């Protein structure tokens, strides 16, 4: 599971009001090379919750991103930042582990890179 996916997921358990961001528990992280697309990165940047993304990248072992969101102008001038952003967003994959609801502590397993977000009958 890419951090792009993680940044879009939240817990939908009945009654949960604070289901984002899901905390990551890492068992195995893999890196998969993806061709960089500068236009995609520039367009997705404003849709990313930076704090959740930055924290998740650190949990996955990648510490090259700033903790605070940079100005969007950096996307036009700093190719090194774009490379780091691309790597964390698209090339780091949580292969095995879990996503944990911040409110209930419910663990959603991640196996072979696929998060299982299915709810139990009493959670719907």
PDB file of N, CA and C in Angstrom:
ATOM      1  N   UNK A   1       0.831  -1.165   0.000  1.00  0.00           N
ATOM      2  CA  UNK A   1       0.000   0.000   0.000  1.00  0.00           C
ATOM      3  C   UNK A   1       0.887   1.243   0.000  1.00  0.00           C
ATOM      4  N   UNK A   2       0.640   2.111  -0.939  1.00  0.00           N
ATOM      5  CA  UNK A   2       1.402   3.352  -1.039  1.00  0.00           C
ATOM      6  C   UNK A   2       0.912   4.369  -0.004  1.00  0.00           C
ATOM      7  N   UNK A   3       1.780   5.330   0.304  1.00  0.00           N
ATOM      8  CA  UNK A   3       1.373   6.392   1.221  1.00  0.00           C
ATOM      9  C   UNK A   3       0.308   7.287   0.594  1.00  0.00           C
ATOM     10  N   UNK A   4       0.238   7.316  -0.724  1.00  0.00           N
ATOM     11  CA  UNK A   4      -0.853   8.035  -1.388  1.00  0.00           C
ATOM     12  C   UNK A   4      -2.182   7.424  -0.959  1.00  0.00           C
ATOM     13  N   UNK A   5      -2.266   6.115  -0.959  1.00  0.00           N
ATOM     14  CA  UNK A   5      -3.484   5.419  -0.545  1.00  0.00           C
ATOM     15  C   UNK A   5      -3.759   5.682   0.927  1.00  0.00           C
ATOM     16  N   UNK A   6      -2.735   5.551   1.757  1.00  0.00           N
ATOM     17  CA  UNK A   6      -2.898   5.780   3.196  1.00  0.00           C
ATOM     18  C   UNK A   6      -3.484   7.161   3.472  1.00  0.00           C
ATOM     19  N   UNK A   7      -3.053   8.154   2.713  1.00  0.00           N
ATOM     20  CA  UNK A   7      -3.486   9.530   2.946  1.00  0.00           C
ATOM     21  C   UNK A   7      -4.957   9.736   2.605  1.00  0.00           C
ATOM     22  N   UNK A   8      -5.541   8.802   1.872  1.00  0.00           N
ATOM     23  CA  UNK A   8      -6.946   8.928   1.468  1.00  0.00           C
ATOM     24  C   UNK A   8      -7.882   8.050   2.305  1.00  0.00           C
ATOM     25  N   UNK A   9      -7.334   7.157   3.135  1.00  0.00           N
ATOM     26  CA  UNK A   9      -8.149   6.220   3.900  1.00  0.00           C
ATOM     27  C   UNK A   9      -8.492   6.770   5.277  1.00  0.00           C
ATOM     28  N   UNK A  10      -9.663   6.370   5.767  1.00  0.00           N
ATOM     29  CA  UNK A  10     -10.044   6.684   7.147  1.00  0.00           C
ATOM     30  C   UNK A  10     -10.914   5.544   7.663  1.00  0.00           C
ATOM     31  N   UNK A  11     -11.079   5.506   8.968  1.00  0.00           N
ATOM     32  CA  UNK A  11     -11.905   4.483   9.596  1.00  0.00           C
ATOM     33  C   UNK A  11     -13.368   4.890   9.490  1.00  0.00           C
ATOM     34  N   UNK A  12     -14.201   3.979   8.993  1.00  0.00           N
ATOM     35  CA  UNK A  12     -15.631   4.255   8.835  1.00  0.00           C
ATOM     36  C   UNK A  12     -16.479   3.461   9.816  1.00  0.00           C
ATOM     37  N   UNK A  13     -15.907   3.122  10.960  1.00  0.00           N
ATOM     38  CA  UNK A  13     -16.646   2.400  11.985  1.00  0.00           C
ATOM     39  C   UNK A  13     -17.770   3.286  12.503  1.00  0.00           C
ATOM     40  N   UNK A  14     -18.944   2.665  12.712  1.00  0.00           N
ATOM     41  CA  UNK A  14     -20.112   3.401  13.199  1.00  0.00           C
ATOM     42  C   UNK A  14     -19.763   4.155  14.485  1.00  0.00           C
ATOM     43  N   UNK A  15     -20.083   5.447  14.520  1.00  0.00           N
ATOM     44  CA  UNK A  15     -19.861   6.257  15.704  1.00  0.00           C
ATOM     45  C   UNK A  15     -18.504   6.935  15.775  1.00  0.00           C
ATOM     46  N   UNK A  16     -17.583   6.563  14.909  1.00  0.00           N
ATOM     47  CA  UNK A  16     -16.246   7.159  14.915  1.00  0.00           C
ATOM     48  C   UNK A  16     -16.316   8.536  14.260  1.00  0.00           C
ATOM     49  N   UNK A  17     -15.827   9.550  14.976  1.00  0.00           N
ATOM     50  CA  UNK A  17     -15.815  10.902  14.431  1.00  0.00           C
ATOM     51  C   UNK A  17     -14.416  11.330  14.016  1.00  0.00           C
ATOM     52  N   UNK A  18     -13.397  10.657  14.546  1.00  0.00           N
ATOM     53  CA  UNK A  18     -12.007  10.990  14.219  1.00  0.00           C
ATOM     54  C   UNK A  18     -11.299   9.754  13.685  1.00  0.00           C
ATOM     55  N   UNK A  19     -11.587   9.379  12.436  1.00  0.00           N
ATOM     56  CA  UNK A  19     -11.013   8.175  11.854  1.00  0.00           C
ATOM     57  C   UNK A  19      -9.799   8.412  10.987  1.00  0.00           C
ATOM     58  N   UNK A  20      -9.233   9.628  11.011  1.00  0.00           N
ATOM     59  CA  UNK A  20      -8.082   9.974  10.160  1.00  0.00           C
ATOM     60  C   UNK A  20      -7.087  10.767  10.986  1.00  0.00           C
ATOM     61  N   UNK A  21      -5.811  10.509  10.777  1.00  0.00           N
ATOM     62  CA  UNK A  21      -5.198   9.488   9.935  1.00  0.00           C
ATOM     63  C   UNK A  21      -5.091   8.156  10.671  1.00  0.00           C
ATOM     64  N   UNK A  22      -5.128   7.107   9.909  1.00  0.00           N
ATOM     65  CA  UNK A  22      -4.912   5.782  10.472  1.00  0.00           C
ATOM     66  C   UNK A  22      -3.436   5.641  10.829  1.00  0.00           C
ATOM     67  N   UNK A  23      -3.162   5.132  12.022  1.00  0.00           N
ATOM     68  CA  UNK A  23      -1.783   4.908  12.447  1.00  0.00           C
ATOM     69  C   UNK A  23      -1.255   3.655  11.742  1.00  0.00           C
ATOM     70  N   UNK A  24      -0.016   3.704  11.320  1.00  0.00           N
ATOM     71  CA  UNK A  24       0.594   2.575  10.614  1.00  0.00           C
ATOM     72  C   UNK A  24       1.423   1.748  11.583  1.00  0.00           C
ATOM     73  N   UNK A  25       1.221   0.446  11.528  1.00  0.00           N
ATOM     74  CA  UNK A  25       2.096  -0.503  12.211  1.00  0.00           C
ATOM     75  C   UNK A  25       2.824  -1.279  11.116  1.00  0.00           C
ATOM     76  N   UNK A  26       4.131  -1.150  11.112  1.00  0.00           N
ATOM     77  CA  UNK A  26       4.941  -1.711  10.029  1.00  0.00           C
ATOM     78  C   UNK A  26       5.501  -3.078  10.410  1.00  0.00           C
ATOM     79  N   UNK A  27       5.311  -4.028   9.528  1.00  0.00           N
ATOM     80  CA  UNK A  27       6.010  -5.312   9.619  1.00  0.00           C
ATOM     81  C   UNK A  27       7.027  -5.418   8.483  1.00  0.00           C
ATOM     82  N   UNK A  28       6.604  -4.963   7.286  1.00  0.00           N
ATOM     83  CA  UNK A  28       7.490  -5.050   6.129  1.00  0.00           C
ATOM     84  C   UNK A  28       7.189  -3.908   5.161  1.00  0.00           C
ATOM     85  N   UNK A  29       8.251  -3.190   4.777  1.00  0.00           N
ATOM     86  CA  UNK A  29       8.158  -2.117   3.784  1.00  0.00           C
ATOM     87  C   UNK A  29       9.013  -2.522   2.597  1.00  0.00           C
ATOM     88  N   UNK A  30       8.505  -2.306   1.399  1.00  0.00           N
ATOM     89  CA  UNK A  30       9.293  -2.542   0.192  1.00  0.00           C
ATOM     90  C   UNK A  30       9.296  -1.264  -0.641  1.00  0.00           C
ATOM     91  N   UNK A  31      10.343  -1.116  -1.435  1.00  0.00           N
ATOM     92  CA  UNK A  31      10.429   0.003  -2.366  1.00  0.00           C
ATOM     93  C   UNK A  31      10.246  -0.532  -3.776  1.00  0.00           C
ATOM     94  N   UNK A  32       9.353   0.105  -4.517  1.00  0.00           N
ATOM     95  CA  UNK A  32       9.087  -0.287  -5.901  1.00  0.00           C
ATOM     96  C   UNK A  32       9.276   0.943  -6.769  1.00  0.00           C
ATOM     97  N   UNK A  33      10.180   0.849  -7.725  1.00  0.00           N
ATOM     98  CA  UNK A  33      10.489   1.978  -8.604  1.00  0.00           C
ATOM     99  C   UNK A  33       9.288   2.317  -9.486  1.00  0.00           C
ATOM    100  N   UNK A  34       8.992   3.608  -9.548  1.00  0.00           N
ATOM    101  CA  UNK A  34       7.917   4.134 -10.381  1.00  0.00           C
ATOM    102  C   UNK A  34       8.475   5.341 -11.127  1.00  0.00           C
ATOM    103  N   UNK A  35       8.156   5.449 -12.406  1.00  0.00           N
ATOM    104  CA  UNK A  35       8.610   6.603 -13.178  1.00  0.00           C
ATOM    105  C   UNK A  35       7.998   7.879 -12.608  1.00  0.00           C
ATOM    106  N   UNK A  36       8.805   8.896 -12.454  1.00  0.00           N
ATOM    107  CA  UNK A  36       8.341  10.157 -11.871  1.00  0.00           C
ATOM    108  C   UNK A  36       7.521  10.947 -12.894  1.00  0.00           C
ATOM    109  N   UNK A  37       6.427  11.530 -12.404  1.00  0.00           N
ATOM    110  CA  UNK A  37       5.555  12.352 -13.233  1.00  0.00           C
ATOM    111  C   UNK A  37       5.375  13.686 -12.502  1.00  0.00           C
ATOM    112  N   UNK A  38       6.118  14.688 -12.920  1.00  0.00           N
ATOM    113  CA  UNK A  38       6.109  15.980 -12.236  1.00  0.00           C
ATOM    114  C   UNK A  38       4.735  16.632 -12.225  1.00  0.00           C
ATOM    115  N   UNK A  39       3.996  16.523 -13.308  1.00  0.00           N
ATOM    116  CA  UNK A  39       2.661  17.122 -13.363  1.00  0.00           C
ATOM    117  C   UNK A  39       1.725  16.480 -12.344  1.00  0.00           C
ATOM    118  N   UNK A  40       1.768  15.149 -12.244  1.00  0.00           N
ATOM    119  CA  UNK A  40       0.940  14.461 -11.260  1.00  0.00           C
ATOM    120  C   UNK A  40       1.281  14.941  -9.852  1.00  0.00           C
ATOM    121  N   UNK A  41       2.565  15.023  -9.539  1.00  0.00           N
ATOM    122  CA  UNK A  41       2.998  15.450  -8.200  1.00  0.00           C
ATOM    123  C   UNK A  41       2.524  16.862  -7.886  1.00  0.00           C
ATOM    124  N   UNK A  42       2.618  17.748  -8.863  1.00  0.00           N
ATOM    125  CA  UNK A  42       2.174  19.135  -8.652  1.00  0.00           C
ATOM    126  C   UNK A  42       0.661  19.198  -8.421  1.00  0.00           C
ATOM    127  N   UNK A  43      -0.083  18.345  -9.122  1.00  0.00           N
ATOM    128  CA  UNK A  43      -1.543  18.357  -8.992  1.00  0.00           C
ATOM    129  C   UNK A  43      -2.030  17.705  -7.703  1.00  0.00           C
ATOM    130  N   UNK A  44      -1.362  16.660  -7.242  1.00  0.00           N
ATOM    131  CA  UNK A  44      -1.808  15.934  -6.055  1.00  0.00           C
ATOM    132  C   UNK A  44      -1.367  16.624  -4.766  1.00  0.00           C
ATOM    133  N   UNK A  45      -0.348  17.456  -4.844  1.00  0.00           N
ATOM    134  CA  UNK A  45       0.241  18.083  -3.654  1.00  0.00           C
ATOM    135  C   UNK A  45      -0.802  18.760  -2.770  1.00  0.00           C
ATOM    136  N   UNK A  46      -1.706  19.526  -3.347  1.00  0.00           N
ATOM    137  CA  UNK A  46      -2.694  20.272  -2.559  1.00  0.00           C
ATOM    138  C   UNK A  46      -3.749  19.359  -1.932  1.00  0.00           C
ATOM    139  N   UNK A  47      -3.851  18.131  -2.401  1.00  0.00           N
ATOM    140  CA  UNK A  47      -4.851  17.199  -1.887  1.00  0.00           C
ATOM    141  C   UNK A  47      -4.311  16.340  -0.745  1.00  0.00           C
ATOM    142  N   UNK A  48      -3.016  16.424  -0.502  1.00  0.00           N
ATOM    143  CA  UNK A  48      -2.369  15.610   0.526  1.00  0.00           C
ATOM    144  C   UNK A  48      -2.459  16.302   1.883  1.00  0.00           C
ATOM    145  N   UNK A  49      -2.850  15.550   2.895  1.00  0.00           N
ATOM    146  CA  UNK A  49      -2.775  16.055   4.266  1.00  0.00           C
ATOM    147  C   UNK A  49      -1.312  15.890   4.678  1.00  0.00           C
ATOM    148  N   UNK A  50      -0.564  17.010   4.693  1.00  0.00           N
ATOM    149  CA  UNK A  50       0.890  16.934   4.826  1.00  0.00           C
ATOM    150  C   UNK A  50       1.329  16.326   6.152  1.00  0.00           C
ATOM    151  N   UNK A  51       0.704  16.703   7.255  1.00  0.00           N
ATOM    152  CA  UNK A  51       1.123  16.171   8.558  1.00  0.00           C
ATOM    153  C   UNK A  51       0.971  14.654   8.586  1.00  0.00           C
ATOM    154  N   UNK A  52      -0.173  14.152   8.133  1.00  0.00           N
ATOM    155  CA  UNK A  52      -0.401  12.701   8.101  1.00  0.00           C
ATOM    156  C   UNK A  52       0.614  12.023   7.183  1.00  0.00           C
ATOM    157  N   UNK A  53       0.891  12.637   6.044  1.00  0.00           N
ATOM    158  CA  UNK A  53       1.831  12.083   5.068  1.00  0.00           C
ATOM    159  C   UNK A  53       3.259  12.059   5.613  1.00  0.00           C
ATOM    160  N   UNK A  54       3.679  13.179   6.186  1.00  0.00           N
ATOM    161  CA  UNK A  54       5.022  13.290   6.740  1.00  0.00           C
ATOM    162  C   UNK A  54       5.222  12.305   7.891  1.00  0.00           C
ATOM    163  N   UNK A  55       4.240  12.231   8.787  1.00  0.00           N
ATOM    164  CA  UNK A  55       4.332  11.293   9.910  1.00  0.00           C
ATOM    165  C   UNK A  55       4.378   9.851   9.416  1.00  0.00           C
ATOM    166  N   UNK A  56       3.544   9.522   8.438  1.00  0.00           N
ATOM    167  CA  UNK A  56       3.515   8.162   7.899  1.00  0.00           C
ATOM    168  C   UNK A  56       4.840   7.799   7.237  1.00  0.00           C
ATOM    169  N   UNK A  57       5.435   8.744   6.521  1.00  0.00           N
ATOM    170  CA  UNK A  57       6.718   8.445   5.864  1.00  0.00           C
ATOM    171  C   UNK A  57       7.798   8.157   6.906  1.00  0.00           C
ATOM    172  N   UNK A  58       7.763   8.868   8.031  1.00  0.00           N
ATOM    173  CA  UNK A  58       8.736   8.618   9.106  1.00  0.00           C
ATOM    174  C   UNK A  58       8.527   7.234   9.726  1.00  0.00           C
ATOM    175  N   UNK A  59       7.270   6.874   9.945  1.00  0.00           N
ATOM    176  CA  UNK A  59       6.958   5.549  10.491  1.00  0.00           C
ATOM    177  C   UNK A  59       7.459   4.456   9.547  1.00  0.00           C
ATOM    178  N   UNK A  60       7.412   4.722   8.247  1.00  0.00           N
ATOM    179  CA  UNK A  60       7.875   3.752   7.250  1.00  0.00           C
ATOM    180  C   UNK A  60       9.396   3.795   7.090  1.00  0.00           C
ATOM    181  N   UNK A  61      10.063   4.662   7.839  1.00  0.00           N
ATOM    182  CA  UNK A  61      11.519   4.706   7.828  1.00  0.00           C
ATOM    183  C   UNK A  61      12.135   5.726   6.896  1.00  0.00           C
ATOM    184  N   UNK A  62      11.316   6.604   6.305  1.00  0.00           N
ATOM    185  CA  UNK A  62      11.822   7.611   5.369  1.00  0.00           C
ATOM    186  C   UNK A  62      11.755   8.979   6.031  1.00  0.00           C
ATOM    187  N   UNK A  63      12.910   9.583   6.278  1.00  0.00           N
ATOM    188  CA  UNK A  63      12.971  10.827   7.054  1.00  0.00           C
ATOM    189  C   UNK A  63      13.410  12.034   6.229  1.00  0.00           C
ATOM    190  N   UNK A  64      13.332  11.955   4.924  1.00  0.00           N
ATOM    191  CA  UNK A  64      13.834  13.023   4.050  1.00  0.00           C
ATOM    192  C   UNK A  64      12.841  14.165   3.808  1.00  0.00           C
ATOM    193  N   UNK A  65      11.602  14.016   4.242  1.00  0.00           N
ATOM    194  CA  UNK A  65      10.603  15.060   4.004  1.00  0.00           C
ATOM    195  C   UNK A  65      10.562  16.045   5.167  1.00  0.00           C
ATOM    196  N   UNK A  66      10.278  17.326   4.888  1.00  0.00           N
ATOM    197  CA  UNK A  66      10.129  18.291   5.982  1.00  0.00           C
ATOM    198  C   UNK A  66       8.854  17.994   6.775  1.00  0.00           C
ATOM    199  N   UNK A  67       8.882  18.313   8.065  1.00  0.00           N
ATOM    200  CA  UNK A  67       7.694  18.091   8.895  1.00  0.00           C
ATOM    201  C   UNK A  67       6.568  19.041   8.533  1.00  0.00           C
ATOM    202  N   UNK A  68       6.926  20.263   8.182  1.00  0.00           N
ATOM    203  CA  UNK A  68       5.926  21.259   7.786  1.00  0.00           C
ATOM    204  C   UNK A  68       5.775  21.235   6.262  1.00  0.00           C
ATOM    205  N   UNK A  69       4.555  21.440   5.798  1.00  0.00           N
ATOM    206  CA  UNK A  69       4.306  21.464   4.356  1.00  0.00           C
ATOM    207  C   UNK A  69       5.013  22.661   3.728  1.00  0.00           C
ATOM    208  N   UNK A  70       5.783  22.421   2.679  1.00  0.00           N
ATOM    209  CA  UNK A  70       6.426  23.547   1.996  1.00  0.00           C
ATOM    210  C   UNK A  70       5.405  24.339   1.176  1.00  0.00           C
ATOM    211  N   UNK A  71       5.810  25.532   0.788  1.00  0.00           N
ATOM    212  CA  UNK A  71       4.969  26.341  -0.105  1.00  0.00           C
ATOM    213  C   UNK A  71       4.846  25.621  -1.445  1.00  0.00           C
ATOM    214  N   UNK A  72       3.724  25.769  -2.098  1.00  0.00           N
ATOM    215  CA  UNK A  72       3.518  25.090  -3.380  1.00  0.00           C
ATOM    216  C   UNK A  72       4.494  25.570  -4.449  1.00  0.00           C
ATOM    217  N   UNK A  73       5.101  26.744  -4.270  1.00  0.00           N
ATOM    218  CA  UNK A  73       6.066  27.254  -5.244  1.00  0.00           C
ATOM    219  C   UNK A  73       7.307  26.358  -5.344  1.00  0.00           C
ATOM    220  N   UNK A  74       7.592  25.604  -4.275  1.00  0.00           N
ATOM    221  CA  UNK A  74       8.752  24.709  -4.294  1.00  0.00           C
ATOM    222  C   UNK A  74       8.577  23.622  -5.369  1.00  0.00           C
ATOM    223  N   UNK A  75       7.336  23.335  -5.737  1.00  0.00           N
ATOM    224  CA  UNK A  75       7.065  22.311  -6.751  1.00  0.00           C
ATOM    225  C   UNK A  75       7.555  22.725  -8.135  1.00  0.00           C
ATOM    226  N   UNK A  76       7.687  24.017  -8.345  1.00  0.00           N
ATOM    227  CA  UNK A  76       8.134  24.517  -9.644  1.00  0.00           C
ATOM    228  C   UNK A  76       9.654  24.634  -9.741  1.00  0.00           C
ATOM    229  N   UNK A  77      10.312  24.762  -8.593  1.00  0.00           N
ATOM    230  CA  UNK A  77      11.733  25.099  -8.649  1.00  0.00           C
ATOM    231  C   UNK A  77      12.678  24.061  -8.032  1.00  0.00           C
ATOM    232  N   UNK A  78      12.173  23.186  -7.184  1.00  0.00           N
ATOM    233  CA  UNK A  78      13.054  22.284  -6.445  1.00  0.00           C
ATOM    234  C   UNK A  78      12.855  20.836  -6.897  1.00  0.00           C
ATOM    235  N   UNK A  79      13.651  20.402  -7.861  1.00  0.00           N
ATOM    236  CA  UNK A  79      13.527  19.041  -8.386  1.00  0.00           C
ATOM    237  C   UNK A  79      13.911  17.992  -7.349  1.00  0.00           C
ATOM    238  N   UNK A  80      14.811  18.326  -6.440  1.00  0.00           N
ATOM    239  CA  UNK A  80      15.199  17.392  -5.381  1.00  0.00           C
ATOM    240  C   UNK A  80      14.025  17.135  -4.437  1.00  0.00           C
ATOM    241  N   UNK A  81      13.281  18.193  -4.099  1.00  0.00           N
ATOM    242  CA  UNK A  81      12.088  18.003  -3.267  1.00  0.00           C
ATOM    243  C   UNK A  81      11.070  17.132  -3.991  1.00  0.00           C
ATOM    244  N   UNK A  82      10.845  17.392  -5.285  1.00  0.00           N
ATOM    245  CA  UNK A  82       9.901  16.584  -6.061  1.00  0.00           C
ATOM    246  C   UNK A  82      10.301  15.114  -6.055  1.00  0.00           C
ATOM    247  N   UNK A  83      11.588  14.844  -6.169  1.00  0.00           N
ATOM    248  CA  UNK A  83      12.071  13.460  -6.155  1.00  0.00           C
ATOM    249  C   UNK A  83      11.771  12.799  -4.809  1.00  0.00           C
ATOM    250  N   UNK A  84      12.005  13.515  -3.711  1.00  0.00           N
ATOM    251  CA  UNK A  84      11.747  12.978  -2.365  1.00  0.00           C
ATOM    252  C   UNK A  84      10.244  12.772  -2.135  1.00  0.00           C
ATOM    253  N   UNK A  85       9.458  13.744  -2.573  1.00  0.00           N
ATOM    254  CA  UNK A  85       8.000  13.660  -2.468  1.00  0.00           C
ATOM    255  C   UNK A  85       7.490  12.448  -3.251  1.00  0.00           C
ATOM    256  N   UNK A  86       7.970  12.288  -4.471  1.00  0.00           N
ATOM    257  CA  UNK A  86       7.612  11.159  -5.325  1.00  0.00           C
ATOM    258  C   UNK A  86       7.970   9.835  -4.656  1.00  0.00           C
ATOM    259  N   UNK A  87       9.184   9.753  -4.121  1.00  0.00           N
ATOM    260  CA  UNK A  87       9.640   8.510  -3.510  1.00  0.00           C
ATOM    261  C   UNK A  87       8.724   8.114  -2.350  1.00  0.00           C
ATOM    262  N   UNK A  88       8.448   9.050  -1.444  1.00  0.00           N
ATOM    263  CA  UNK A  88       7.611   8.738  -0.287  1.00  0.00           C
ATOM    264  C   UNK A  88       6.171   8.428  -0.700  1.00  0.00           C
ATOM    265  N   UNK A  89       5.645   9.175  -1.630  1.00  0.00           N
ATOM    266  CA  UNK A  89       4.243   9.043  -2.023  1.00  0.00           C
ATOM    267  C   UNK A  89       3.957   7.777  -2.821  1.00  0.00           C
ATOM    268  N   UNK A  90       4.860   7.427  -3.728  1.00  0.00           N
ATOM    269  CA  UNK A  90       4.556   6.377  -4.704  1.00  0.00           C
ATOM    270  C   UNK A  90       5.481   5.157  -4.686  1.00  0.00           C
ATOM    271  N   UNK A  91       6.671   5.279  -4.112  1.00  0.00           N
ATOM    272  CA  UNK A  91       7.612   4.157  -4.184  1.00  0.00           C
ATOM    273  C   UNK A  91       7.737   3.368  -2.888  1.00  0.00           C
ATOM    274  N   UNK A  92       7.350   3.961  -1.771  1.00  0.00           N
ATOM    275  CA  UNK A  92       7.342   3.223  -0.507  1.00  0.00           C
ATOM    276  C   UNK A  92       6.023   2.476  -0.388  1.00  0.00           C
ATOM    277  N   UNK A  93       6.103   1.187  -0.117  1.00  0.00           N
ATOM    278  CA  UNK A  93       4.895   0.370   0.002  1.00  0.00           C
ATOM    279  C   UNK A  93       4.887  -0.361   1.331  1.00  0.00           C
ATOM    280  N   UNK A  94       3.785  -0.234   2.061  1.00  0.00           N
ATOM    281  CA  UNK A  94       3.580  -1.063   3.244  1.00  0.00           C
ATOM    282  C   UNK A  94       3.117  -2.417   2.733  1.00  0.00           C
ATOM    283  N   UNK A  95       4.000  -3.391   2.785  1.00  0.00           N
ATOM    284  CA  UNK A  95       3.700  -4.721   2.260  1.00  0.00           C
ATOM    285  C   UNK A  95       2.954  -5.563   3.300  1.00  0.00           C
ATOM    286  N   UNK A  96       3.386  -5.484   4.541  1.00  0.00           N
ATOM    287  CA  UNK A  96       2.760  -6.223   5.638  1.00  0.00           C
ATOM    288  C   UNK A  96       2.695  -5.316   6.856  1.00  0.00           C
ATOM    289  N   UNK A  97       1.571  -5.371   7.561  1.00  0.00           N
ATOM    290  CA  UNK A  97       1.414  -4.562   8.763  1.00  0.00           C
ATOM    291  C   UNK A  97      -0.048  -4.343   9.072  1.00  0.00           C
ATOM    292  N   UNK A  98      -0.348  -3.179   9.625  1.00  0.00           N
ATOM    293  CA  UNK A  98      -1.736  -2.869   9.975  1.00  0.00           C
ATOM    294  C   UNK A  98      -1.948  -1.362   9.965  1.00  0.00           C
ATOM    295  N   UNK A  99      -3.198  -0.983   9.770  1.00  0.00           N
ATOM    296  CA  UNK A  99      -3.648   0.398   9.915  1.00  0.00           C
ATOM    297  C   UNK A  99      -4.558   0.417  11.141  1.00  0.00           C
ATOM    298  N   UNK A 100      -4.334   1.366  12.022  1.00  0.00           N
ATOM    299  CA  UNK A 100      -5.049   1.387  13.303  1.00  0.00           C
ATOM    300  C   UNK A 100      -5.906   2.637  13.404  1.00  0.00           C
ATOM    301  N   UNK A 101      -7.181   2.434  13.729  1.00  0.00           N
ATOM    302  CA  UNK A 101      -8.111   3.551  13.911  1.00  0.00           C
ATOM    303  C   UNK A 101      -7.636   4.394  15.090  1.00  0.00           C
ATOM    304  N   UNK A 102      -7.495   5.708  14.906  1.00  0.00           N
ATOM    305  CA  UNK A 102      -6.998   6.555  15.991  1.00  0.00           C
ATOM    306  C   UNK A 102      -7.980   6.689  17.156  1.00  0.00           C
ATOM    307  N   UNK A 103      -9.247   6.410  16.913  1.00  0.00           N
ATOM    308  CA  UNK A 103     -10.255   6.578  17.963  1.00  0.00           C
ATOM    309  C   UNK A 103     -10.545   5.285  18.710  1.00  0.00           C
ATOM    310  N   UNK A 104     -10.685   4.179  17.981  1.00  0.00           N
ATOM    311  CA  UNK A 104     -11.084   2.918  18.619  1.00  0.00           C
ATOM    312  C   UNK A 104      -9.929   1.952  18.843  1.00  0.00           C
ATOM    313  N   UNK A 105      -8.832   2.136  18.106  1.00  0.00           N
ATOM    314  CA  UNK A 105      -7.721   1.198  18.200  1.00  0.00           C
ATOM    315  C   UNK A 105      -7.904  -0.054  17.343  1.00  0.00           C
ATOM    316  N   UNK A 106      -8.997  -0.132  16.607  1.00  0.00           N
ATOM    317  CA  UNK A 106      -9.269  -1.282  15.725  1.00  0.00           C
ATOM    318  C   UNK A 106      -8.177  -1.375  14.680  1.00  0.00           C
ATOM    319  N   UNK A 107      -7.632  -2.590  14.514  1.00  0.00           N
ATOM    320  CA  UNK A 107      -6.574  -2.811  13.529  1.00  0.00           C
ATOM    321  C   UNK A 107      -7.165  -3.366  12.240  1.00  0.00           C
ATOM    322  N   UNK A 108      -6.758  -2.741  11.133  1.00  0.00           N
ATOM    323  CA  UNK A 108      -7.105  -3.214   9.801  1.00  0.00           C
ATOM    324  C   UNK A 108      -5.831  -3.804   9.210  1.00  0.00           C
ATOM    325  N   UNK A 109      -5.798  -5.109   8.944  1.00  0.00           N
ATOM    326  CA  UNK A 109      -4.555  -5.728   8.461  1.00  0.00           C
ATOM    327  C   UNK A 109      -4.201  -5.308   7.038  1.00  0.00           C
ATOM    328  N   UNK A 110      -2.904  -5.268   6.777  1.00  0.00           N
ATOM    329  CA  UNK A 110      -2.387  -5.051   5.424  1.00  0.00           C
ATOM    330  C   UNK A 110      -1.569  -6.292   5.079  1.00  0.00           C
ATOM    331  N   UNK A 111      -2.024  -7.026   4.061  1.00  0.00           N
ATOM    332  CA  UNK A 111      -1.335  -8.235   3.620  1.00  0.00           C
ATOM    333  C   UNK A 111      -1.042  -8.141   2.136  1.00  0.00           C
ATOM    334  N   UNK A 112       0.196  -8.428   1.782  1.00  0.00           N
ATOM    335  CA  UNK A 112       0.643  -8.357   0.388  1.00  0.00           C
ATOM    336  C   UNK A 112       0.334  -6.987  -0.215  1.00  0.00           C
ATOM    337  N   UNK A 113       0.434  -5.950   0.616  1.00  0.00           N
ATOM    338  CA  UNK A 113       0.238  -4.577   0.150  1.00  0.00           C
ATOM    339  C   UNK A 113      -1.206  -4.131   0.035  1.00  0.00           C
ATOM    340  N   UNK A 114      -2.144  -4.984   0.459  1.00  0.00           N
ATOM    341  CA  UNK A 114      -3.562  -4.656   0.318  1.00  0.00           C
ATOM    342  C   UNK A 114      -4.192  -4.467   1.691  1.00  0.00           C
ATOM    343  N   UNK A 115      -4.701  -3.259   1.978  1.00  0.00           N
ATOM    344  CA  UNK A 115      -5.369  -3.047   3.262  1.00  0.00           C
ATOM    345  C   UNK A 115      -6.769  -3.660   3.254  1.00  0.00           C
ATOM    346  N   UNK A 116      -7.120  -4.379   4.310  1.00  0.00           N
ATOM    347  CA  UNK A 116      -8.453  -4.947   4.453  1.00  0.00           C
ATOM    348  C   UNK A 116      -9.254  -4.034   5.375  1.00  0.00           C
ATOM    349  N   UNK A 117     -10.084  -3.202   4.785  1.00  0.00           N
ATOM    350  CA  UNK A 117     -10.866  -2.213   5.541  1.00  0.00           C
ATOM    351  C   UNK A 117     -12.296  -2.675   5.789  1.00  0.00           C
ATOM    352  N   UNK A 118     -12.565  -3.968   5.561  1.00  0.00           N
ATOM    353  CA  UNK A 118     -13.912  -4.474   5.790  1.00  0.00           C
ATOM    354  C   UNK A 118     -14.256  -4.399   7.266  1.00  0.00           C
ATOM    355  N   UNK A 119     -15.485  -3.964   7.536  1.00  0.00           N
ATOM    356  CA  UNK A 119     -15.949  -3.814   8.920  1.00  0.00           C
ATOM    357  C   UNK A 119     -16.666  -5.074   9.374  1.00  0.00           C
ATOM    358  N   UNK A 120     -16.596  -5.333  10.686  1.00  0.00           N
ATOM    359  CA  UNK A 120     -17.379  -6.414  11.268  1.00  0.00           C
ATOM    360  C   UNK A 120     -18.832  -5.964  11.303  1.00  0.00           C
ATOM    361  N   UNK A 121     -19.732  -6.930  11.432  1.00  0.00           N
ATOM    362  CA  UNK A 121     -21.163  -6.631  11.386  1.00  0.00           C
ATOM    363  C   UNK A 121     -21.573  -5.594  12.430  1.00  0.00           C
ATOM    364  N   UNK A 122     -21.002  -5.655  13.627  1.00  0.00           N
ATOM    365  CA  UNK A 122     -21.368  -4.714  14.689  1.00  0.00           C
ATOM    366  C   UNK A 122     -20.742  -3.331  14.519  1.00  0.00           C
ATOM    367  N   UNK A 123     -19.891  -3.149  13.509  1.00  0.00           N
ATOM    368  CA  UNK A 123     -19.230  -1.863  13.274  1.00  0.00           C
ATOM    369  C   UNK A 123     -19.914  -1.037  12.181  1.00  0.00           C
ATOM    370  N   UNK A 124     -20.903  -1.645  11.544  1.00  0.00           N
ATOM    371  CA  UNK A 124     -21.577  -0.981  10.419  1.00  0.00           C
ATOM    372  C   UNK A 124     -22.733  -0.136  10.916  1.00  0.00           C
TER     373      UNK A 124
END
